């Protein structure tokens, strides 16, 4: 397990950066744009998609030291990251339903780990 730790952290970094990109895209989507072209061809959107591409490369690198079945479990960290980032940067409410859903996801991860 200790041998896999750097790869696990790399995978989680990829998921975190991807979550940041999702928040940036949502913030940009909430703005008014003069045209459809400006809506999709602006720095925030272009950078977000470039980060998504970089995350794909990070994930591929992480799989060099991880079994494939770890990916689906580690990917669920995105739900936690997006919830926290959405609350911090978009002012989204963290409701009881969301907290319950995150608890169920966490419980599933714990059961899988055992």
PDB file of N, CA and C in Angstrom:
ATOM      1  N   UNK A   1       0.825  -1.203   0.000  1.00  0.00           N
ATOM      2  CA  UNK A   1       0.000   0.000   0.000  1.00  0.00           C
ATOM      3  C   UNK A   1       0.866   1.263   0.000  1.00  0.00           C
ATOM      4  N   UNK A   2       1.940   1.277   0.779  1.00  0.00           N
ATOM      5  CA  UNK A   2       2.810   2.455   0.841  1.00  0.00           C
ATOM      6  C   UNK A   2       3.438   2.743  -0.516  1.00  0.00           C
ATOM      7  N   UNK A   3       3.683   1.687  -1.285  1.00  0.00           N
ATOM      8  CA  UNK A   3       4.258   1.854  -2.619  1.00  0.00           C
ATOM      9  C   UNK A   3       3.280   2.546  -3.571  1.00  0.00           C
ATOM     10  N   UNK A   4       1.993   2.374  -3.315  1.00  0.00           N
ATOM     11  CA  UNK A   4       0.967   2.972  -4.168  1.00  0.00           C
ATOM     12  C   UNK A   4       0.595   4.394  -3.751  1.00  0.00           C
ATOM     13  N   UNK A   5       1.018   4.830  -2.568  1.00  0.00           N
ATOM     14  CA  UNK A   5       0.591   6.125  -2.040  1.00  0.00           C
ATOM     15  C   UNK A   5       0.874   7.297  -2.984  1.00  0.00           C
ATOM     16  N   UNK A   6       2.071   7.398  -3.588  1.00  0.00           N
ATOM     17  CA  UNK A   6       2.288   8.516  -4.522  1.00  0.00           C
ATOM     18  C   UNK A   6       1.310   8.504  -5.708  1.00  0.00           C
ATOM     19  N   UNK A   7       0.960   7.325  -6.175  1.00  0.00           N
ATOM     20  CA  UNK A   7       0.028   7.199  -7.297  1.00  0.00           C
ATOM     21  C   UNK A   7      -1.399   7.558  -6.870  1.00  0.00           C
ATOM     22  N   UNK A   8      -1.746   7.192  -5.636  1.00  0.00           N
ATOM     23  CA  UNK A   8      -3.061   7.561  -5.104  1.00  0.00           C
ATOM     24  C   UNK A   8      -3.152   9.077  -4.985  1.00  0.00           C
ATOM     25  N   UNK A   9      -2.097   9.694  -4.456  1.00  0.00           N
ATOM     26  CA  UNK A   9      -2.087  11.155  -4.310  1.00  0.00           C
ATOM     27  C   UNK A   9      -2.130  11.846  -5.673  1.00  0.00           C
ATOM     28  N   UNK A  10      -1.439  11.292  -6.649  1.00  0.00           N
ATOM     29  CA  UNK A  10      -1.467  11.847  -8.003  1.00  0.00           C
ATOM     30  C   UNK A  10      -2.873  11.774  -8.585  1.00  0.00           C
ATOM     31  N   UNK A  11      -3.534  10.660  -8.375  1.00  0.00           N
ATOM     32  CA  UNK A  11      -4.904  10.492  -8.859  1.00  0.00           C
ATOM     33  C   UNK A  11      -5.830  11.504  -8.179  1.00  0.00           C
ATOM     34  N   UNK A  12      -5.681  11.649  -6.855  1.00  0.00           N
ATOM     35  CA  UNK A  12      -6.522  12.600  -6.128  1.00  0.00           C
ATOM     36  C   UNK A  12      -6.240  14.035  -6.556  1.00  0.00           C
ATOM     37  N   UNK A  13      -4.993  14.353  -6.873  1.00  0.00           N
ATOM     38  CA  UNK A  13      -4.664  15.678  -7.407  1.00  0.00           C
ATOM     39  C   UNK A  13      -5.393  15.908  -8.723  1.00  0.00           C
ATOM     40  N   UNK A  14      -5.412  14.891  -9.561  1.00  0.00           N
ATOM     41  CA  UNK A  14      -6.116  14.978 -10.836  1.00  0.00           C
ATOM     42  C   UNK A  14      -7.606  15.244 -10.617  1.00  0.00           C
ATOM     43  N   UNK A  15      -8.205  14.537  -9.676  1.00  0.00           N
ATOM     44  CA  UNK A  15      -9.633  14.721  -9.381  1.00  0.00           C
ATOM     45  C   UNK A  15      -9.876  16.125  -8.819  1.00  0.00           C
ATOM     46  N   UNK A  16      -8.986  16.598  -7.959  1.00  0.00           N
ATOM     47  CA  UNK A  16      -9.133  17.934  -7.374  1.00  0.00           C
ATOM     48  C   UNK A  16      -9.039  19.020  -8.448  1.00  0.00           C
ATOM     49  N   UNK A  17      -8.035  18.923  -9.307  1.00  0.00           N
ATOM     50  CA  UNK A  17      -7.887  19.917 -10.376  1.00  0.00           C
ATOM     51  C   UNK A  17      -9.077  19.888 -11.333  1.00  0.00           C
ATOM     52  N   UNK A  18      -9.577  18.705 -11.596  1.00  0.00           N
ATOM     53  CA  UNK A  18     -10.764  18.569 -12.440  1.00  0.00           C
ATOM     54  C   UNK A  18     -11.970  19.239 -11.778  1.00  0.00           C
ATOM     55  N   UNK A  19     -12.080  19.104 -10.476  1.00  0.00           N
ATOM     56  CA  UNK A  19     -13.183  19.736  -9.739  1.00  0.00           C
ATOM     57  C   UNK A  19     -13.081  21.251  -9.799  1.00  0.00           C
ATOM     58  N   UNK A  20     -11.868  21.767  -9.681  1.00  0.00           N
ATOM     59  CA  UNK A  20     -11.665  23.213  -9.801  1.00  0.00           C
ATOM     60  C   UNK A  20     -12.096  23.682 -11.189  1.00  0.00           C
ATOM     61  N   UNK A  21     -11.753  22.921 -12.210  1.00  0.00           N
ATOM     62  CA  UNK A  21     -12.149  23.270 -13.579  1.00  0.00           C
ATOM     63  C   UNK A  21     -13.659  23.283 -13.733  1.00  0.00           C
ATOM     64  N   UNK A  22     -14.324  22.338 -13.109  1.00  0.00           N
ATOM     65  CA  UNK A  22     -15.786  22.296 -13.179  1.00  0.00           C
ATOM     66  C   UNK A  22     -16.402  23.544 -12.555  1.00  0.00           C
ATOM     67  N   UNK A  23     -15.848  23.957 -11.423  1.00  0.00           N
ATOM     68  CA  UNK A  23     -16.354  25.159 -10.759  1.00  0.00           C
ATOM     69  C   UNK A  23     -16.098  26.391 -11.626  1.00  0.00           C
ATOM     70  N   UNK A  24     -14.911  26.476 -12.219  1.00  0.00           N
ATOM     71  CA  UNK A  24     -14.586  27.609 -13.097  1.00  0.00           C
ATOM     72  C   UNK A  24     -15.536  27.654 -14.289  1.00  0.00           C
ATOM     73  N   UNK A  25     -15.842  26.500 -14.868  1.00  0.00           N
ATOM     74  CA  UNK A  25     -16.775  26.464 -15.997  1.00  0.00           C
ATOM     75  C   UNK A  25     -18.181  26.885 -15.569  1.00  0.00           C
ATOM     76  N   UNK A  26     -18.600  26.459 -14.389  1.00  0.00           N
ATOM     77  CA  UNK A  26     -19.937  26.842 -13.927  1.00  0.00           C
ATOM     78  C   UNK A  26     -20.003  28.342 -13.663  1.00  0.00           C
ATOM     79  N   UNK A  27     -18.943  28.903 -13.052  1.00  0.00           N
ATOM     80  CA  UNK A  27     -18.907  30.354 -12.827  1.00  0.00           C
ATOM     81  C   UNK A  27     -18.999  31.112 -14.147  1.00  0.00           C
ATOM     82  N   UNK A  28     -18.288  30.621 -15.145  1.00  0.00           N
ATOM     83  CA  UNK A  28     -18.290  31.273 -16.456  1.00  0.00           C
ATOM     84  C   UNK A  28     -19.654  31.117 -17.128  1.00  0.00           C
ATOM     85  N   UNK A  29     -20.307  29.993 -16.936  1.00  0.00           N
ATOM     86  CA  UNK A  29     -21.620  29.763 -17.544  1.00  0.00           C
ATOM     87  C   UNK A  29     -22.692  30.657 -16.933  1.00  0.00           C
ATOM     88  N   UNK A  30     -22.472  31.105 -15.711  1.00  0.00           N
ATOM     89  CA  UNK A  30     -23.450  31.955 -15.040  1.00  0.00           C
ATOM     90  C   UNK A  30     -23.357  33.415 -15.498  1.00  0.00           C
ATOM     91  N   UNK A  31     -22.316  33.760 -16.233  1.00  0.00           N
ATOM     92  CA  UNK A  31     -22.130  35.133 -16.717  1.00  0.00           C
ATOM     93  C   UNK A  31     -22.869  35.340 -18.031  1.00  0.00           C
ATOM     94  N   UNK A  32     -23.219  36.584 -18.293  1.00  0.00           N
ATOM     95  CA  UNK A  32     -23.792  36.957 -19.588  1.00  0.00           C
ATOM     96  C   UNK A  32     -22.651  37.215 -20.564  1.00  0.00           C
ATOM     97  N   UNK A  33     -22.808  36.746 -21.795  1.00  0.00           N
ATOM     98  CA  UNK A  33     -21.789  36.955 -22.828  1.00  0.00           C
ATOM     99  C   UNK A  33     -22.425  37.650 -24.031  1.00  0.00           C
ATOM    100  N   UNK A  34     -21.606  38.428 -24.723  1.00  0.00           N
ATOM    101  CA  UNK A  34     -22.102  39.171 -25.884  1.00  0.00           C
ATOM    102  C   UNK A  34     -22.490  38.258 -27.043  1.00  0.00           C
ATOM    103  N   UNK A  35     -21.802  37.123 -27.154  1.00  0.00           N
ATOM    104  CA  UNK A  35     -22.085  36.208 -28.258  1.00  0.00           C
ATOM    105  C   UNK A  35     -21.746  34.779 -27.828  1.00  0.00           C
ATOM    106  N   UNK A  36     -22.215  33.839 -28.619  1.00  0.00           N
ATOM    107  CA  UNK A  36     -21.924  32.426 -28.347  1.00  0.00           C
ATOM    108  C   UNK A  36     -20.423  32.177 -28.461  1.00  0.00           C
ATOM    109  N   UNK A  37     -19.793  32.841 -29.400  1.00  0.00           N
ATOM    110  CA  UNK A  37     -18.351  32.681 -29.590  1.00  0.00           C
ATOM    111  C   UNK A  37     -17.581  33.125 -28.342  1.00  0.00           C
ATOM    112  N   UNK A  38     -17.963  34.265 -27.779  1.00  0.00           N
ATOM    113  CA  UNK A  38     -17.300  34.758 -26.568  1.00  0.00           C
ATOM    114  C   UNK A  38     -17.615  33.888 -25.352  1.00  0.00           C
ATOM    115  N   UNK A  39     -18.748  33.213 -25.417  1.00  0.00           N
ATOM    116  CA  UNK A  39     -19.127  32.331 -24.317  1.00  0.00           C
ATOM    117  C   UNK A  39     -18.193  31.125 -24.224  1.00  0.00           C
ATOM    118  N   UNK A  40     -17.767  30.624 -25.376  1.00  0.00           N
ATOM    119  CA  UNK A  40     -16.940  29.411 -25.396  1.00  0.00           C
ATOM    120  C   UNK A  40     -15.463  29.673 -25.647  1.00  0.00           C
ATOM    121  N   UNK A  41     -15.150  30.785 -26.270  1.00  0.00           N
ATOM    122  CA  UNK A  41     -13.747  31.092 -26.565  1.00  0.00           C
ATOM    123  C   UNK A  41     -13.276  32.259 -25.703  1.00  0.00           C
ATOM    124  N   UNK A  42     -13.231  32.015 -24.415  1.00  0.00           N
ATOM    125  CA  UNK A  42     -12.688  33.008 -23.495  1.00  0.00           C
ATOM    126  C   UNK A  42     -11.654  32.309 -22.608  1.00  0.00           C
ATOM    127  N   UNK A  43     -10.773  33.059 -21.990  1.00  0.00           N
ATOM    128  CA  UNK A  43      -9.662  32.447 -21.251  1.00  0.00           C
ATOM    129  C   UNK A  43     -10.081  31.427 -20.184  1.00  0.00           C
ATOM    130  N   UNK A  44     -11.116  31.728 -19.414  1.00  0.00           N
ATOM    131  CA  UNK A  44     -11.521  30.808 -18.344  1.00  0.00           C
ATOM    132  C   UNK A  44     -11.957  29.454 -18.898  1.00  0.00           C
ATOM    133  N   UNK A  45     -12.721  29.470 -19.965  1.00  0.00           N
ATOM    134  CA  UNK A  45     -13.208  28.214 -20.556  1.00  0.00           C
ATOM    135  C   UNK A  45     -12.051  27.445 -21.197  1.00  0.00           C
ATOM    136  N   UNK A  46     -11.222  28.142 -21.933  1.00  0.00           N
ATOM    137  CA  UNK A  46     -10.092  27.474 -22.601  1.00  0.00           C
ATOM    138  C   UNK A  46      -9.138  26.870 -21.578  1.00  0.00           C
ATOM    139  N   UNK A  47      -8.810  27.635 -20.533  1.00  0.00           N
ATOM    140  CA  UNK A  47      -7.915  27.118 -19.490  1.00  0.00           C
ATOM    141  C   UNK A  47      -8.542  25.926 -18.781  1.00  0.00           C
ATOM    142  N   UNK A  48      -9.831  25.985 -18.498  1.00  0.00           N
ATOM    143  CA  UNK A  48     -10.513  24.868 -17.828  1.00  0.00           C
ATOM    144  C   UNK A  48     -10.416  23.591 -18.646  1.00  0.00           C
ATOM    145  N   UNK A  49     -10.636  23.714 -19.950  1.00  0.00           N
ATOM    146  CA  UNK A  49     -10.541  22.511 -20.786  1.00  0.00           C
ATOM    147  C   UNK A  49      -9.106  22.025 -20.928  1.00  0.00           C
ATOM    148  N   UNK A  50      -8.148  22.929 -20.912  1.00  0.00           N
ATOM    149  CA  UNK A  50      -6.743  22.506 -20.924  1.00  0.00           C
ATOM    150  C   UNK A  50      -6.391  21.769 -19.626  1.00  0.00           C
ATOM    151  N   UNK A  51      -6.926  22.260 -18.511  1.00  0.00           N
ATOM    152  CA  UNK A  51      -6.700  21.574 -17.232  1.00  0.00           C
ATOM    153  C   UNK A  51      -7.332  20.184 -17.264  1.00  0.00           C
ATOM    154  N   UNK A  52      -8.546  20.073 -17.837  1.00  0.00           N
ATOM    155  CA  UNK A  52      -9.165  18.749 -17.980  1.00  0.00           C
ATOM    156  C   UNK A  52      -8.250  17.798 -18.756  1.00  0.00           C
ATOM    157  N   UNK A  53      -7.662  18.297 -19.834  1.00  0.00           N
ATOM    158  CA  UNK A  53      -6.729  17.471 -20.607  1.00  0.00           C
ATOM    159  C   UNK A  53      -5.521  17.071 -19.782  1.00  0.00           C
ATOM    160  N   UNK A  54      -4.993  18.010 -19.001  1.00  0.00           N
ATOM    161  CA  UNK A  54      -3.868  17.704 -18.120  1.00  0.00           C
ATOM    162  C   UNK A  54      -4.244  16.676 -17.060  1.00  0.00           C
ATOM    163  N   UNK A  55      -5.475  16.758 -16.573  1.00  0.00           N
ATOM    164  CA  UNK A  55      -5.948  15.784 -15.583  1.00  0.00           C
ATOM    165  C   UNK A  55      -5.994  14.381 -16.169  1.00  0.00           C
ATOM    166  N   UNK A  56      -6.355  14.296 -17.422  1.00  0.00           N
ATOM    167  CA  UNK A  56      -6.355  12.993 -18.090  1.00  0.00           C
ATOM    168  C   UNK A  56      -4.943  12.408 -18.103  1.00  0.00           C
ATOM    169  N   UNK A  57      -3.965  13.249 -18.401  1.00  0.00           N
ATOM    170  CA  UNK A  57      -2.573  12.781 -18.401  1.00  0.00           C
ATOM    171  C   UNK A  57      -2.113  12.387 -17.002  1.00  0.00           C
ATOM    172  N   UNK A  58      -2.515  13.157 -15.989  1.00  0.00           N
ATOM    173  CA  UNK A  58      -2.171  12.798 -14.608  1.00  0.00           C
ATOM    174  C   UNK A  58      -2.785  11.461 -14.216  1.00  0.00           C
ATOM    175  N   UNK A  59      -4.032  11.269 -14.612  1.00  0.00           N
ATOM    176  CA  UNK A  59      -4.710  10.015 -14.294  1.00  0.00           C
ATOM    177  C   UNK A  59      -4.019   8.832 -14.964  1.00  0.00           C
ATOM    178  N   UNK A  60      -3.639   9.002 -16.215  1.00  0.00           N
ATOM    179  CA  UNK A  60      -2.916   7.936 -16.912  1.00  0.00           C
ATOM    180  C   UNK A  60      -1.603   7.616 -16.202  1.00  0.00           C
ATOM    181  N   UNK A  61      -0.921   8.645 -15.736  1.00  0.00           N
ATOM    182  CA  UNK A  61       0.329   8.443 -15.006  1.00  0.00           C
ATOM    183  C   UNK A  61       0.068   7.700 -13.687  1.00  0.00           C
ATOM    184  N   UNK A  62      -1.016   8.058 -13.012  1.00  0.00           N
ATOM    185  CA  UNK A  62      -1.357   7.409 -11.743  1.00  0.00           C
ATOM    186  C   UNK A  62      -1.649   5.929 -11.941  1.00  0.00           C
ATOM    187  N   UNK A  63      -2.257   5.588 -13.075  1.00  0.00           N
ATOM    188  CA  UNK A  63      -2.577   4.182 -13.323  1.00  0.00           C
ATOM    189  C   UNK A  63      -1.335   3.326 -13.564  1.00  0.00           C
ATOM    190  N   UNK A  64      -0.187   3.941 -13.732  1.00  0.00           N
ATOM    191  CA  UNK A  64       1.039   3.153 -13.864  1.00  0.00           C
ATOM    192  C   UNK A  64       1.385   2.435 -12.564  1.00  0.00           C
ATOM    193  N   UNK A  65       0.872   2.966 -11.452  1.00  0.00           N
ATOM    194  CA  UNK A  65       1.159   2.334 -10.165  1.00  0.00           C
ATOM    195  C   UNK A  65      -0.070   1.909  -9.399  1.00  0.00           C
ATOM    196  N   UNK A  66      -1.228   1.970 -10.043  1.00  0.00           N
ATOM    197  CA  UNK A  66      -2.476   1.599  -9.377  1.00  0.00           C
ATOM    198  C   UNK A  66      -3.228   0.532 -10.161  1.00  0.00           C
ATOM    199  N   UNK A  67      -3.874  -0.379  -9.451  1.00  0.00           N
ATOM    200  CA  UNK A  67      -4.795  -1.288 -10.144  1.00  0.00           C
ATOM    201  C   UNK A  67      -5.995  -0.501 -10.668  1.00  0.00           C
ATOM    202  N   UNK A  68      -6.563  -0.949 -11.746  1.00  0.00           N
ATOM    203  CA  UNK A  68      -7.678  -0.234 -12.376  1.00  0.00           C
ATOM    204  C   UNK A  68      -8.877  -0.066 -11.445  1.00  0.00           C
ATOM    205  N   UNK A  69      -9.129  -1.033 -10.576  1.00  0.00           N
ATOM    206  CA  UNK A  69     -10.308  -0.947  -9.723  1.00  0.00           C
ATOM    207  C   UNK A  69     -10.212   0.162  -8.680  1.00  0.00           C
ATOM    208  N   UNK A  70      -9.042   0.735  -8.453  1.00  0.00           N
ATOM    209  CA  UNK A  70      -8.908   1.855  -7.523  1.00  0.00           C
ATOM    210  C   UNK A  70      -9.502   3.139  -8.115  1.00  0.00           C
ATOM    211  N   UNK A  71      -9.487   3.255  -9.423  1.00  0.00           N
ATOM    212  CA  UNK A  71      -9.930   4.476 -10.079  1.00  0.00           C
ATOM    213  C   UNK A  71     -11.350   4.859  -9.742  1.00  0.00           C
ATOM    214  N   UNK A  72     -12.257   3.908  -9.811  1.00  0.00           N
ATOM    215  CA  UNK A  72     -13.665   4.237  -9.550  1.00  0.00           C
ATOM    216  C   UNK A  72     -13.877   4.695  -8.114  1.00  0.00           C
ATOM    217  N   UNK A  73     -13.096   4.171  -7.198  1.00  0.00           N
ATOM    218  CA  UNK A  73     -13.224   4.575  -5.799  1.00  0.00           C
ATOM    219  C   UNK A  73     -12.608   5.963  -5.588  1.00  0.00           C
ATOM    220  N   UNK A  74     -11.419   6.175  -6.138  1.00  0.00           N
ATOM    221  CA  UNK A  74     -10.753   7.471  -5.972  1.00  0.00           C
ATOM    222  C   UNK A  74     -11.501   8.592  -6.690  1.00  0.00           C
ATOM    223  N   UNK A  75     -12.160   8.271  -7.777  1.00  0.00           N
ATOM    224  CA  UNK A  75     -12.902   9.270  -8.553  1.00  0.00           C
ATOM    225  C   UNK A  75     -14.049   9.875  -7.745  1.00  0.00           C
ATOM    226  N   UNK A  76     -14.581   9.124  -6.779  1.00  0.00           N
ATOM    227  CA  UNK A  76     -15.695   9.637  -5.968  1.00  0.00           C
ATOM    228  C   UNK A  76     -15.273  10.811  -5.092  1.00  0.00           C
ATOM    229  N   UNK A  77     -13.968  11.021  -4.912  1.00  0.00           N
ATOM    230  CA  UNK A  77     -13.507  12.187  -4.154  1.00  0.00           C
ATOM    231  C   UNK A  77     -13.983  13.469  -4.827  1.00  0.00           C
ATOM    232  N   UNK A  78     -14.235  13.412  -6.122  1.00  0.00           N
ATOM    233  CA  UNK A  78     -14.730  14.576  -6.852  1.00  0.00           C
ATOM    234  C   UNK A  78     -16.041  15.100  -6.290  1.00  0.00           C
ATOM    235  N   UNK A  79     -16.899  14.215  -5.791  1.00  0.00           N
ATOM    236  CA  UNK A  79     -18.162  14.651  -5.199  1.00  0.00           C
ATOM    237  C   UNK A  79     -17.904  15.522  -3.972  1.00  0.00           C
ATOM    238  N   UNK A  80     -16.930  15.131  -3.166  1.00  0.00           N
ATOM    239  CA  UNK A  80     -16.581  15.917  -1.985  1.00  0.00           C
ATOM    240  C   UNK A  80     -15.972  17.261  -2.396  1.00  0.00           C
ATOM    241  N   UNK A  81     -15.023  17.209  -3.336  1.00  0.00           N
ATOM    242  CA  UNK A  81     -14.353  18.435  -3.775  1.00  0.00           C
ATOM    243  C   UNK A  81     -15.331  19.432  -4.381  1.00  0.00           C
ATOM    244  N   UNK A  82     -16.206  18.961  -5.255  1.00  0.00           N
ATOM    245  CA  UNK A  82     -17.160  19.857  -5.923  1.00  0.00           C
ATOM    246  C   UNK A  82     -18.141  20.450  -4.910  1.00  0.00           C
ATOM    247  N   UNK A  83     -18.559  19.658  -3.937  1.00  0.00           N
ATOM    248  CA  UNK A  83     -19.477  20.170  -2.919  1.00  0.00           C
ATOM    249  C   UNK A  83     -18.822  21.291  -2.118  1.00  0.00           C
ATOM    250  N   UNK A  84     -17.600  21.064  -1.671  1.00  0.00           N
ATOM    251  CA  UNK A  84     -16.898  22.072  -0.871  1.00  0.00           C
ATOM    252  C   UNK A  84     -16.566  23.305  -1.713  1.00  0.00           C
ATOM    253  N   UNK A  85     -16.037  23.101  -2.908  1.00  0.00           N
ATOM    254  CA  UNK A  85     -15.684  24.227  -3.771  1.00  0.00           C
ATOM    255  C   UNK A  85     -16.920  25.015  -4.198  1.00  0.00           C
ATOM    256  N   UNK A  86     -18.018  24.306  -4.463  1.00  0.00           N
ATOM    257  CA  UNK A  86     -19.265  24.975  -4.827  1.00  0.00           C
ATOM    258  C   UNK A  86     -19.785  25.855  -3.690  1.00  0.00           C
ATOM    259  N   UNK A  87     -19.643  25.367  -2.469  1.00  0.00           N
ATOM    260  CA  UNK A  87     -20.076  26.162  -1.317  1.00  0.00           C
ATOM    261  C   UNK A  87     -19.167  27.377  -1.137  1.00  0.00           C
ATOM    262  N   UNK A  88     -17.864  27.189  -1.317  1.00  0.00           N
ATOM    263  CA  UNK A  88     -16.913  28.283  -1.111  1.00  0.00           C
ATOM    264  C   UNK A  88     -16.971  29.344  -2.200  1.00  0.00           C
ATOM    265  N   UNK A  89     -17.012  28.924  -3.460  1.00  0.00           N
ATOM    266  CA  UNK A  89     -16.863  29.861  -4.571  1.00  0.00           C
ATOM    267  C   UNK A  89     -18.155  30.221  -5.291  1.00  0.00           C
ATOM    268  N   UNK A  90     -19.190  29.402  -5.129  1.00  0.00           N
ATOM    269  CA  UNK A  90     -20.449  29.688  -5.814  1.00  0.00           C
ATOM    270  C   UNK A  90     -21.576  30.013  -4.844  1.00  0.00           C
ATOM    271  N   UNK A  91     -21.282  29.891  -3.561  1.00  0.00           N
ATOM    272  CA  UNK A  91     -22.304  30.178  -2.555  1.00  0.00           C
ATOM    273  C   UNK A  91     -23.418  29.147  -2.507  1.00  0.00           C
ATOM    274  N   UNK A  92     -23.137  27.940  -3.002  1.00  0.00           N
ATOM    275  CA  UNK A  92     -24.162  26.891  -2.981  1.00  0.00           C
ATOM    276  C   UNK A  92     -24.362  26.390  -1.554  1.00  0.00           C
ATOM    277  N   UNK A  93     -25.583  26.046  -1.244  1.00  0.00           N
ATOM    278  CA  UNK A  93     -25.917  25.550   0.087  1.00  0.00           C
ATOM    279  C   UNK A  93     -25.579  24.064   0.194  1.00  0.00           C
ATOM    280  N   UNK A  94     -25.009  23.692   1.316  1.00  0.00           N
ATOM    281  CA  UNK A  94     -24.758  22.284   1.597  1.00  0.00           C
ATOM    282  C   UNK A  94     -25.923  21.816   2.467  1.00  0.00           C
ATOM    283  N   UNK A  95     -26.882  21.194   1.822  1.00  0.00           N
ATOM    284  CA  UNK A  95     -28.115  20.786   2.493  1.00  0.00           C
ATOM    285  C   UNK A  95     -27.928  19.448   3.199  1.00  0.00           C
ATOM    286  N   UNK A  96     -28.920  19.106   3.991  1.00  0.00           N
ATOM    287  CA  UNK A  96     -28.914  17.817   4.680  1.00  0.00           C
ATOM    288  C   UNK A  96     -28.886  16.667   3.667  1.00  0.00           C
ATOM    289  N   UNK A  97     -29.621  16.828   2.560  1.00  0.00           N
ATOM    290  CA  UNK A  97     -29.634  15.798   1.511  1.00  0.00           C
ATOM    291  C   UNK A  97     -28.241  15.585   0.932  1.00  0.00           C
ATOM    292  N   UNK A  98     -27.528  16.689   0.661  1.00  0.00           N
ATOM    293  CA  UNK A  98     -26.176  16.578   0.119  1.00  0.00           C
ATOM    294  C   UNK A  98     -25.243  15.909   1.120  1.00  0.00           C
ATOM    295  N   UNK A  99     -25.357  16.296   2.376  1.00  0.00           N
ATOM    296  CA  UNK A  99     -24.510  15.703   3.407  1.00  0.00           C
ATOM    297  C   UNK A  99     -24.802  14.204   3.553  1.00  0.00           C
ATOM    298  N   UNK A 100     -26.064  13.845   3.478  1.00  0.00           N
ATOM    299  CA  UNK A 100     -26.443  12.435   3.563  1.00  0.00           C
ATOM    300  C   UNK A 100     -25.878  11.663   2.377  1.00  0.00           C
ATOM    301  N   UNK A 101     -25.978  12.245   1.185  1.00  0.00           N
ATOM    302  CA  UNK A 101     -25.439  11.586  -0.012  1.00  0.00           C
ATOM    303  C   UNK A 101     -23.930  11.408   0.105  1.00  0.00           C
ATOM    304  N   UNK A 102     -23.230  12.428   0.588  1.00  0.00           N
ATOM    305  CA  UNK A 102     -21.780  12.320   0.764  1.00  0.00           C
ATOM    306  C   UNK A 102     -21.439  11.262   1.808  1.00  0.00           C
ATOM    307  N   UNK A 103     -22.238  11.165   2.865  1.00  0.00           N
ATOM    308  CA  UNK A 103     -22.013  10.143   3.889  1.00  0.00           C
ATOM    309  C   UNK A 103     -22.194   8.737   3.307  1.00  0.00           C
ATOM    310  N   UNK A 104     -23.195   8.568   2.452  1.00  0.00           N
ATOM    311  CA  UNK A 104     -23.419   7.258   1.817  1.00  0.00           C
ATOM    312  C   UNK A 104     -22.243   6.914   0.893  1.00  0.00           C
ATOM    313  N   UNK A 105     -21.754   7.908   0.156  1.00  0.00           N
ATOM    314  CA  UNK A 105     -20.588   7.687  -0.715  1.00  0.00           C
ATOM    315  C   UNK A 105     -19.387   7.287   0.129  1.00  0.00           C
ATOM    316  N   UNK A 106     -19.160   8.013   1.228  1.00  0.00           N
ATOM    317  CA  UNK A 106     -18.029   7.711   2.110  1.00  0.00           C
ATOM    318  C   UNK A 106     -18.168   6.306   2.701  1.00  0.00           C
ATOM    319  N   UNK A 107     -19.368   5.942   3.096  1.00  0.00           N
ATOM    320  CA  UNK A 107     -19.616   4.602   3.629  1.00  0.00           C
ATOM    321  C   UNK A 107     -19.304   3.542   2.573  1.00  0.00           C
ATOM    322  N   UNK A 108     -19.706   3.794   1.336  1.00  0.00           N
ATOM    323  CA  UNK A 108     -19.394   2.863   0.250  1.00  0.00           C
ATOM    324  C   UNK A 108     -17.892   2.702   0.045  1.00  0.00           C
ATOM    325  N   UNK A 109     -17.159   3.802   0.151  1.00  0.00           N
ATOM    326  CA  UNK A 109     -15.706   3.742   0.020  1.00  0.00           C
ATOM    327  C   UNK A 109     -15.107   2.904   1.145  1.00  0.00           C
ATOM    328  N   UNK A 110     -15.607   3.110   2.353  1.00  0.00           N
ATOM    329  CA  UNK A 110     -15.103   2.354   3.516  1.00  0.00           C
ATOM    330  C   UNK A 110     -15.401   0.855   3.364  1.00  0.00           C
ATOM    331  N   UNK A 111     -16.589   0.538   2.907  1.00  0.00           N
ATOM    332  CA  UNK A 111     -16.950  -0.876   2.709  1.00  0.00           C
ATOM    333  C   UNK A 111     -16.055  -1.489   1.648  1.00  0.00           C
ATOM    334  N   UNK A 112     -15.811  -0.751   0.556  1.00  0.00           N
ATOM    335  CA  UNK A 112     -14.934  -1.253  -0.500  1.00  0.00           C
ATOM    336  C   UNK A 112     -13.528  -1.469   0.031  1.00  0.00           C
ATOM    337  N   UNK A 113     -13.057  -0.541   0.873  1.00  0.00           N
ATOM    338  CA  UNK A 113     -11.698  -0.626   1.392  1.00  0.00           C
ATOM    339  C   UNK A 113     -11.518  -1.856   2.298  1.00  0.00           C
ATOM    340  N   UNK A 114     -12.575  -2.248   2.958  1.00  0.00           N
ATOM    341  CA  UNK A 114     -12.485  -3.419   3.844  1.00  0.00           C
ATOM    342  C   UNK A 114     -12.509  -4.695   3.030  1.00  0.00           C
TER     343      UNK A 114
END
